[in-house]
Amino acid sequence: MTGDVVVIGGGIAGVSVAAELAATRDVVLVEAEPMLARHTTGRSAAIFLPSYGGPVVRALAAASLPRFDPDLLSPRHMVWVATDEEGKDTIDGYLADGTAEPITTAQVQAMFPALRPEAVLATALEPGTRDLDVMGLHQHYVRLLRSRGGEIRMDAPVTALTSDDNGWRVTVGAEELRARTVVNAAGAWADRLAAMAGVPQLGLTPLRRTVAIAVGATPVDPAWPLVCDAANHFYLRPEGQGVLISPADETPSEPCDAKPDELDIAMVMELVNDVTTLALRSVRTAWAGLRTFTPSRVPTVGEAAPGFHFFAGQGGYGIQIAPALAAAGAAIILGEPVPADIPVTPEDLWAPS
């Protein structure tokens, strides 16, 4: 098979940039697993959080907001709480720079009655947060890619990547795909694919994030806000009849099918029970995903070798920046101007180690 572009990776990175490229190019997306979004994308507890990340990431999030299908977003208040001096200093900074708005502990309690007021030193409200339908967004791009004539191949691990004067040969099982352009959107595995291709690696670091759904004695109100500890000790939000909790961990990991750590889960349950009256007692389900970062924590888009492009390192931001990053990334890969409503440059997104 010979075509214009082969995109490697079927998570939100791969399907979004593939769908954008398919507007003007013949695109084949290959995914090693028997299903798409099996790893980090399918395990995301996403919320649209405007303050998340550095300036480039925040700019991409702001540019993404009007590009989302409104049906994929729903209201969700978000409150910061400080349980120690580090968290209090962080909240003071958010209030000073306008990231967050003042809110009293009593006002937080009115939104989230399970809070123990004596357990927090400071609180703040972050405006503009929303729940985000992760799999709805992923499926939007899958449908868009297919409607534009793009092809998706699952259970198709790449076993060799070589280049010649005519472009790239991508070996998938017994088949060889030929393309002028390869887009490496393989998440935690992106550096391994670069090494396979003989291309300089980015120095990507996969970091494990653990999440659990816990239940306890207190009835859960689905209208409760997302509650985040400002020093990144935990976050929680209602999830069905239980509470989604995470220790906000960032544990370095090899690329793998990540598994939750029982000690992390026990620790975050204890933290949450100290700060709330939820009395969490048991875990209904738990999972983990790998959030893969570049050294700069800025997503990387760029040509590492002739015809070989990275679209990687989206860390924990990939869902909420997907619309803008995919549009900008496709433009950069094609050598076209970044859309005017996306205030980033190719240089902002290319910072190899």
Protein backbone atom coordinates (compact mmCIF):
# COMPACT_ATOMS: atom_id res chain seq x y z
CA MET A 1 0.00 0.00 0.00
CA THR A 2 1.29 3.48 -0.88
CA GLY A 3 -0.21 6.72 0.39
CA ASP A 4 0.52 10.19 1.67
CA VAL A 5 0.62 9.79 5.47
CA VAL A 6 0.86 6.98 8.00
CA VAL A 7 -0.11 8.02 11.54
CA ILE A 8 1.06 5.68 14.31
CA GLY A 9 -1.12 5.60 17.42
CA GLY A 10 -4.87 5.41 17.98
CA GLY A 11 -5.29 7.53 21.10
CA ILE A 12 -6.63 11.07 21.04
CA ALA A 13 -3.33 12.38 19.61
CA GLY A 14 -3.32 10.03 16.65
CA VAL A 15 -6.98 10.15 15.69
CA SER A 16 -7.22 13.94 16.03
CA VAL A 17 -4.20 14.80 13.89
CA ALA A 18 -5.06 12.05 11.41
CA ALA A 19 -8.57 13.46 10.98
CA GLU A 20 -7.17 16.95 10.33
CA LEU A 21 -4.59 15.64 7.84
CA ALA A 22 -7.24 13.60 6.04
CA ALA A 23 -8.95 16.80 4.90
CA THR A 24 -6.30 17.07 2.16
CA ARG A 25 -4.21 13.87 2.29
CA ASP A 26 -4.65 10.11 2.04
CA VAL A 27 -4.15 8.89 5.61
CA VAL A 28 -3.76 5.46 7.17
CA LEU A 29 -3.76 5.23 10.98
CA VAL A 30 -2.22 2.13 12.56
CA GLU A 31 -2.77 1.05 16.16
CA ALA A 32 -0.88 -1.78 17.85
CA GLU A 33 -3.77 -2.78 20.11
CA PRO A 34 -6.94 -4.60 18.98
CA MET A 35 -8.94 -1.49 19.93
CA LEU A 36 -8.39 2.25 19.82
CA ALA A 37 -7.81 4.38 22.95
CA ARG A 38 -6.98 1.36 25.09
CA HIS A 39 -4.32 3.10 27.16
CA THR A 40 -4.16 6.69 28.41
CA THR A 41 -7.03 8.19 26.39
CA GLY A 42 -9.47 5.49 27.44
CA ARG A 43 -8.49 5.93 31.10
CA SER A 44 -8.72 9.71 31.33
CA ALA A 45 -10.91 11.34 33.95
CA ALA A 46 -10.95 14.52 31.90
CA ILE A 47 -12.14 17.91 32.88
CA PHE A 48 -11.56 21.13 31.00
CA LEU A 49 -9.32 23.11 33.35
CA PRO A 50 -8.19 26.48 31.92
CA SER A 51 -5.31 26.90 34.40
CA TYR A 52 -3.72 23.54 33.64
CA GLY A 53 -0.18 23.64 32.29
CA GLY A 54 2.16 26.41 31.20
CA PRO A 55 1.50 29.32 28.84
CA VAL A 56 1.58 27.29 25.60
CA VAL A 57 -0.75 24.64 26.98
CA ARG A 58 -3.14 27.26 28.34
CA ALA A 59 -3.18 29.03 24.96
CA LEU A 60 -4.02 25.73 23.24
CA ALA A 61 -6.80 25.04 25.75
CA ALA A 62 -8.33 28.49 25.24
CA ALA A 63 -8.19 28.05 21.46
CA SER A 64 -9.73 24.58 21.75
CA LEU A 65 -12.77 25.66 23.75
CA PRO A 66 -14.76 27.18 20.85
CA ARG A 67 -13.73 24.26 18.62
CA PHE A 68 -15.38 21.62 20.85
CA ASP A 69 -18.83 20.29 20.03
CA PRO A 70 -20.85 21.88 22.89
CA ASP A 71 -22.52 18.54 23.55
CA LEU A 72 -19.17 17.18 24.74
CA LEU A 73 -18.93 19.74 27.56
CA SER A 74 -21.07 20.07 30.67
CA PRO A 75 -20.89 22.39 33.68
CA ARG A 76 -18.74 21.39 36.64
CA HIS A 77 -17.60 23.75 39.36
CA MET A 78 -14.04 23.32 40.53
CA VAL A 79 -12.64 24.39 43.89
CA TRP A 80 -9.08 24.50 45.12
CA VAL A 81 -8.42 23.63 48.76
CA ALA A 82 -5.19 23.99 50.71
CA THR A 83 -4.41 21.43 53.38
CA ASP A 84 -0.89 22.73 54.10
CA GLU A 85 1.21 25.85 53.70
CA GLU A 86 2.43 24.80 50.26
CA GLY A 87 -1.15 24.60 49.05
CA LYS A 88 -2.01 27.92 50.67
CA ASP A 89 0.88 29.62 48.88
CA THR A 90 -0.32 28.11 45.59
CA ILE A 91 -3.85 29.39 46.13
CA ASP A 92 -2.49 32.83 47.03
CA GLY A 93 -0.66 32.81 43.70
CA TYR A 94 -3.78 31.77 41.79
CA LEU A 95 -5.76 34.58 43.41
CA ALA A 96 -3.00 37.10 42.69
CA ASP A 97 -2.69 36.26 38.98
CA GLY A 98 -6.43 35.90 38.35
CA THR A 99 -6.38 32.15 37.75
CA ALA A 100 -8.87 31.66 40.59
CA GLU A 101 -11.50 33.70 42.38
CA PRO A 102 -12.01 34.14 46.14
CA ILE A 103 -14.49 31.85 47.83
CA THR A 104 -15.01 31.25 51.52
CA THR A 105 -14.85 27.88 53.20
CA ALA A 106 -18.54 28.26 54.04
CA GLN A 107 -19.32 28.79 50.35
CA VAL A 108 -17.32 25.68 49.46
CA GLN A 109 -19.25 23.75 52.09
CA ALA A 110 -22.52 24.87 50.53
CA MET A 111 -21.34 23.34 47.22
CA PHE A 112 -19.64 20.33 48.85
CA PRO A 113 -21.16 19.59 52.27
CA ALA A 114 -18.73 16.71 52.89
CA LEU A 115 -15.82 19.13 53.41
CA ARG A 116 -14.33 19.35 56.90
CA PRO A 117 -13.75 23.11 57.29
CA GLU A 118 -11.16 22.63 60.02
CA ALA A 119 -9.01 20.58 57.61
CA VAL A 120 -8.37 23.36 55.08
CA LEU A 121 -6.31 26.54 55.33
CA ALA A 122 -7.57 28.27 52.20
CA THR A 123 -10.01 27.84 49.33
CA ALA A 124 -10.55 29.29 45.85
CA LEU A 125 -12.90 28.83 42.90
CA GLU A 126 -11.56 28.31 39.39
CA PRO A 127 -13.96 29.69 36.74
CA GLY A 128 -14.57 28.13 33.36
CA THR A 129 -14.14 24.46 34.27
CA ARG A 130 -16.27 21.80 32.61
CA ASP A 131 -16.63 18.04 32.39
CA LEU A 132 -15.39 16.73 29.04
CA ASP A 133 -16.72 13.59 27.32
CA VAL A 134 -13.40 11.93 26.45
CA MET A 135 -14.69 8.99 24.45
CA GLY A 136 -17.24 11.21 22.73
CA LEU A 137 -14.38 13.44 21.58
CA HIS A 138 -12.30 10.46 20.48
CA GLN A 139 -15.20 9.01 18.50
CA HIS A 140 -15.83 12.42 16.89
CA TYR A 141 -12.34 12.29 15.40
CA VAL A 142 -12.69 8.63 14.40
CA ARG A 143 -15.87 9.46 12.50
CA LEU A 144 -14.29 12.54 10.95
CA LEU A 145 -11.22 10.59 9.83
CA ARG A 146 -13.33 7.90 8.20
CA SER A 147 -15.71 10.40 6.59
CA ARG A 148 -12.69 11.99 4.91
CA GLY A 149 -11.57 8.69 3.47
CA GLY A 150 -8.98 7.85 6.14
CA GLU A 151 -8.29 4.22 6.95
CA ILE A 152 -7.86 2.78 10.45
CA ARG A 153 -6.03 -0.47 11.11
CA MET A 154 -6.13 -2.00 14.57
CA ASP A 155 -4.12 -4.91 15.95
CA ALA A 156 -1.36 -3.59 13.69
CA PRO A 157 1.90 -3.08 15.62
CA VAL A 158 4.74 -1.44 13.73
CA THR A 159 7.77 -3.74 13.59
CA ALA A 160 10.09 -1.74 11.33
CA LEU A 161 10.48 1.85 10.11
CA THR A 162 12.96 2.61 7.32
CA SER A 163 13.37 5.46 4.87
CA ASP A 164 14.63 5.84 1.32
CA ASP A 165 14.50 8.43 -1.44
CA ASN A 166 10.76 7.80 -1.89
CA GLY A 167 9.75 8.28 1.74
CA TRP A 168 9.10 5.79 4.54
CA ARG A 169 8.46 2.06 4.68
CA VAL A 170 6.32 1.12 7.67
CA THR A 171 6.23 -2.61 8.33
CA VAL A 172 2.99 -3.76 9.96
CA GLY A 173 2.90 -7.52 10.40
CA ALA A 174 3.55 -9.08 7.00
CA GLU A 175 2.58 -5.91 5.16
CA GLU A 176 4.68 -2.92 4.18
CA LEU A 177 3.03 0.48 3.99
CA ARG A 178 4.72 3.21 1.94
CA ALA A 179 4.19 6.88 2.73
CA ARG A 180 5.90 10.19 2.14
CA THR A 181 5.15 11.20 5.74
CA VAL A 182 5.10 9.33 9.05
CA VAL A 183 3.47 10.93 12.09
CA ASN A 184 4.60 9.40 15.38
CA ALA A 185 1.65 9.82 17.75
CA ALA A 186 2.37 6.74 19.84
CA GLY A 187 2.24 8.35 23.28
CA ALA A 188 4.44 6.54 25.81
CA TRP A 189 5.95 4.48 22.98
CA ALA A 190 6.88 7.45 20.75
CA ASP A 191 10.58 7.44 21.64
CA ARG A 192 10.80 3.69 21.06
CA LEU A 193 9.40 4.17 17.56
CA ALA A 194 11.88 6.98 16.94
CA ALA A 195 14.71 4.65 17.93
CA MET A 196 13.31 2.00 15.59
CA ALA A 197 13.39 4.55 12.79
CA GLY A 198 16.90 5.73 13.62
CA VAL A 199 15.55 9.18 14.48
CA PRO A 200 16.69 11.27 17.49
CA GLN A 201 14.47 10.71 20.51
CA LEU A 202 12.71 13.44 22.50
CA GLY A 203 13.55 12.29 26.02
CA LEU A 204 9.91 11.53 26.75
CA THR A 205 8.98 10.45 30.28
CA PRO A 206 5.82 8.36 30.86
CA LEU A 207 4.37 9.08 34.31
CA ARG A 208 1.76 6.83 35.92
CA ARG A 209 -1.46 8.40 37.22
CA THR A 210 -3.69 6.29 39.49
CA VAL A 211 -7.46 6.73 39.71
CA ALA A 212 -10.10 4.87 41.71
CA ILE A 213 -13.85 4.94 42.30
CA ALA A 214 -14.44 4.62 46.04
CA VAL A 215 -17.63 4.34 48.06
CA GLY A 216 -18.38 5.16 51.67
CA ALA A 217 -21.08 6.06 54.15
CA THR A 218 -22.02 9.49 52.74
CA PRO A 219 -24.52 9.67 49.85
CA VAL A 220 -22.98 11.26 46.76
CA ASP A 221 -24.55 14.25 45.03
CA PRO A 222 -23.71 14.29 41.31
CA ALA A 223 -23.73 18.11 41.40
CA TRP A 224 -20.74 18.28 43.74
CA PRO A 225 -17.72 20.12 42.33
CA LEU A 226 -14.33 18.81 41.41
CA VAL A 227 -12.20 19.37 44.52
CA CYS A 228 -8.42 19.64 44.03
CA ASP A 229 -5.74 19.94 46.66
CA ALA A 230 -3.59 22.89 45.59
CA ALA A 231 -0.38 21.08 46.53
CA ASN A 232 -1.36 18.13 44.31
CA HIS A 233 -1.93 15.67 47.12
CA PHE A 234 -5.30 14.52 45.74
CA TYR A 235 -8.35 15.39 43.71
CA LEU A 236 -11.91 14.07 43.83
CA ARG A 237 -15.26 14.42 42.14
CA PRO A 238 -18.59 12.54 42.14
CA GLU A 239 -18.79 9.56 39.80
CA GLY A 240 -22.11 7.71 39.75
CA GLN A 241 -22.86 6.47 43.25
CA GLY A 242 -19.21 6.77 44.24
CA VAL A 243 -16.38 9.28 44.30
CA LEU A 244 -13.55 9.41 41.79
CA ILE A 245 -10.30 9.94 43.67
CA SER A 246 -6.66 10.24 42.64
CA PRO A 247 -3.42 10.94 44.50
CA ALA A 248 -2.36 13.05 41.47
CA ASP A 249 0.71 10.83 41.30
CA GLU A 250 3.43 11.12 38.69
CA THR A 251 5.42 7.91 39.01
CA PRO A 252 8.01 7.34 36.24
CA SER A 253 7.25 4.21 34.24
CA GLU A 254 8.36 2.29 31.22
CA PRO A 255 5.80 2.26 28.38
CA CYS A 256 3.34 -0.44 29.44
CA ASP A 257 -0.25 -1.35 30.18
CA ALA A 258 -0.24 0.65 33.43
CA LYS A 259 -1.75 -0.85 36.57
CA PRO A 260 -2.93 0.99 39.71
CA ASP A 261 -0.79 0.81 42.82
CA GLU A 262 -2.65 -0.41 45.92
CA LEU A 263 -0.51 1.72 48.23
CA ASP A 264 -1.32 4.87 46.22
CA ILE A 265 -5.02 4.07 46.45
CA ALA A 266 -4.88 3.44 50.20
CA MET A 267 -2.95 6.68 50.72
CA VAL A 268 -5.40 8.84 48.77
CA MET A 269 -8.40 7.29 50.53
CA GLU A 270 -6.82 8.23 53.86
CA LEU A 271 -6.11 11.78 52.67
CA VAL A 272 -9.65 12.25 51.37
CA ASN A 273 -11.16 10.88 54.57
CA ASP A 274 -9.04 13.31 56.60
CA VAL A 275 -10.38 16.29 54.64
CA THR A 276 -13.99 15.14 54.21
CA THR A 277 -16.79 13.28 55.95
CA LEU A 278 -17.11 10.86 53.02
CA ALA A 279 -15.83 7.93 55.12
CA LEU A 280 -14.63 6.08 52.04
CA ARG A 281 -14.40 2.37 52.86
CA SER A 282 -14.00 0.36 49.69
CA VAL A 283 -12.87 0.65 46.10
CA ARG A 284 -15.34 -0.25 43.40
CA THR A 285 -12.78 -0.09 40.58
CA ALA A 286 -9.33 1.35 39.95
CA TRP A 287 -7.09 1.97 36.97
CA ALA A 288 -3.96 3.79 35.90
CA GLY A 289 -2.72 5.51 32.78
CA LEU A 290 0.56 6.92 31.51
CA ARG A 291 0.78 10.66 30.97
CA THR A 292 3.84 11.20 28.79
CA PHE A 293 5.74 14.48 29.00
CA THR A 294 8.59 16.13 27.16
CA PRO A 295 11.35 17.64 29.33
CA SER A 296 9.74 21.08 28.84
CA ARG A 297 6.21 19.76 29.50
CA VAL A 298 5.14 21.33 26.22
CA PRO A 299 3.59 19.04 23.59
CA THR A 300 5.98 18.48 20.70
CA VAL A 301 5.10 18.72 17.02
CA GLY A 302 7.87 18.76 14.47
CA GLU A 303 9.99 17.04 11.87
CA ALA A 304 12.80 15.07 13.51
CA ALA A 305 14.06 13.66 10.19
CA PRO A 306 12.89 14.15 6.60
CA GLY A 307 9.28 13.02 6.49
CA PHE A 308 9.25 11.79 10.11
CA HIS A 309 7.17 13.98 12.44
CA PHE A 310 6.53 13.77 16.16
CA PHE A 311 3.07 14.52 17.52
CA ALA A 312 3.76 13.53 21.10
CA GLY A 313 4.37 14.52 24.70
CA GLN A 314 0.84 15.73 25.39
CA GLY A 315 1.11 14.74 29.04
CA GLY A 316 -2.09 15.21 30.99
CA TYR A 317 -3.30 17.95 28.67
CA GLY A 318 -4.05 15.97 25.51
CA ILE A 319 -7.83 15.83 25.80
CA GLN A 320 -8.52 19.47 26.57
CA ILE A 321 -6.10 20.81 23.93
CA ALA A 322 -6.93 18.26 21.22
CA PRO A 323 -8.93 20.48 18.83
CA ALA A 324 -6.38 23.29 18.66
CA LEU A 325 -3.29 21.10 18.83
CA ALA A 326 -4.53 18.79 16.06
CA ALA A 327 -5.30 21.72 13.77
CA ALA A 328 -1.97 23.40 14.51
CA GLY A 329 -0.10 20.10 14.25
CA ALA A 330 -1.58 19.21 10.88
CA ALA A 331 -0.65 22.65 9.55
CA ILE A 332 2.92 22.32 10.82
CA ILE A 333 3.30 18.82 9.37
CA LEU A 334 2.04 20.05 5.98
CA GLY A 335 4.22 23.17 6.06
CA GLU A 336 1.21 25.47 6.20
CA PRO A 337 0.45 28.44 8.49
CA VAL A 338 -1.03 27.65 11.88
CA PRO A 339 -4.71 28.76 11.93
CA ALA A 340 -5.05 32.36 13.02
CA ASP A 341 -7.25 31.54 16.03
CA ILE A 342 -4.53 29.35 17.58
CA PRO A 343 -1.93 31.64 19.19
CA VAL A 344 1.10 29.34 19.03
CA THR A 345 4.00 29.09 16.60
CA PRO A 346 5.83 26.03 15.26
CA GLU A 347 8.76 27.08 17.45
CA ASP A 348 6.54 26.94 20.56
CA LEU A 349 5.83 23.27 19.84
CA TRP A 350 9.28 22.08 18.85
CA ALA A 351 11.66 21.64 21.77
CA PRO A 352 13.58 18.37 21.32
CA SER A 353 15.84 17.35 24.18
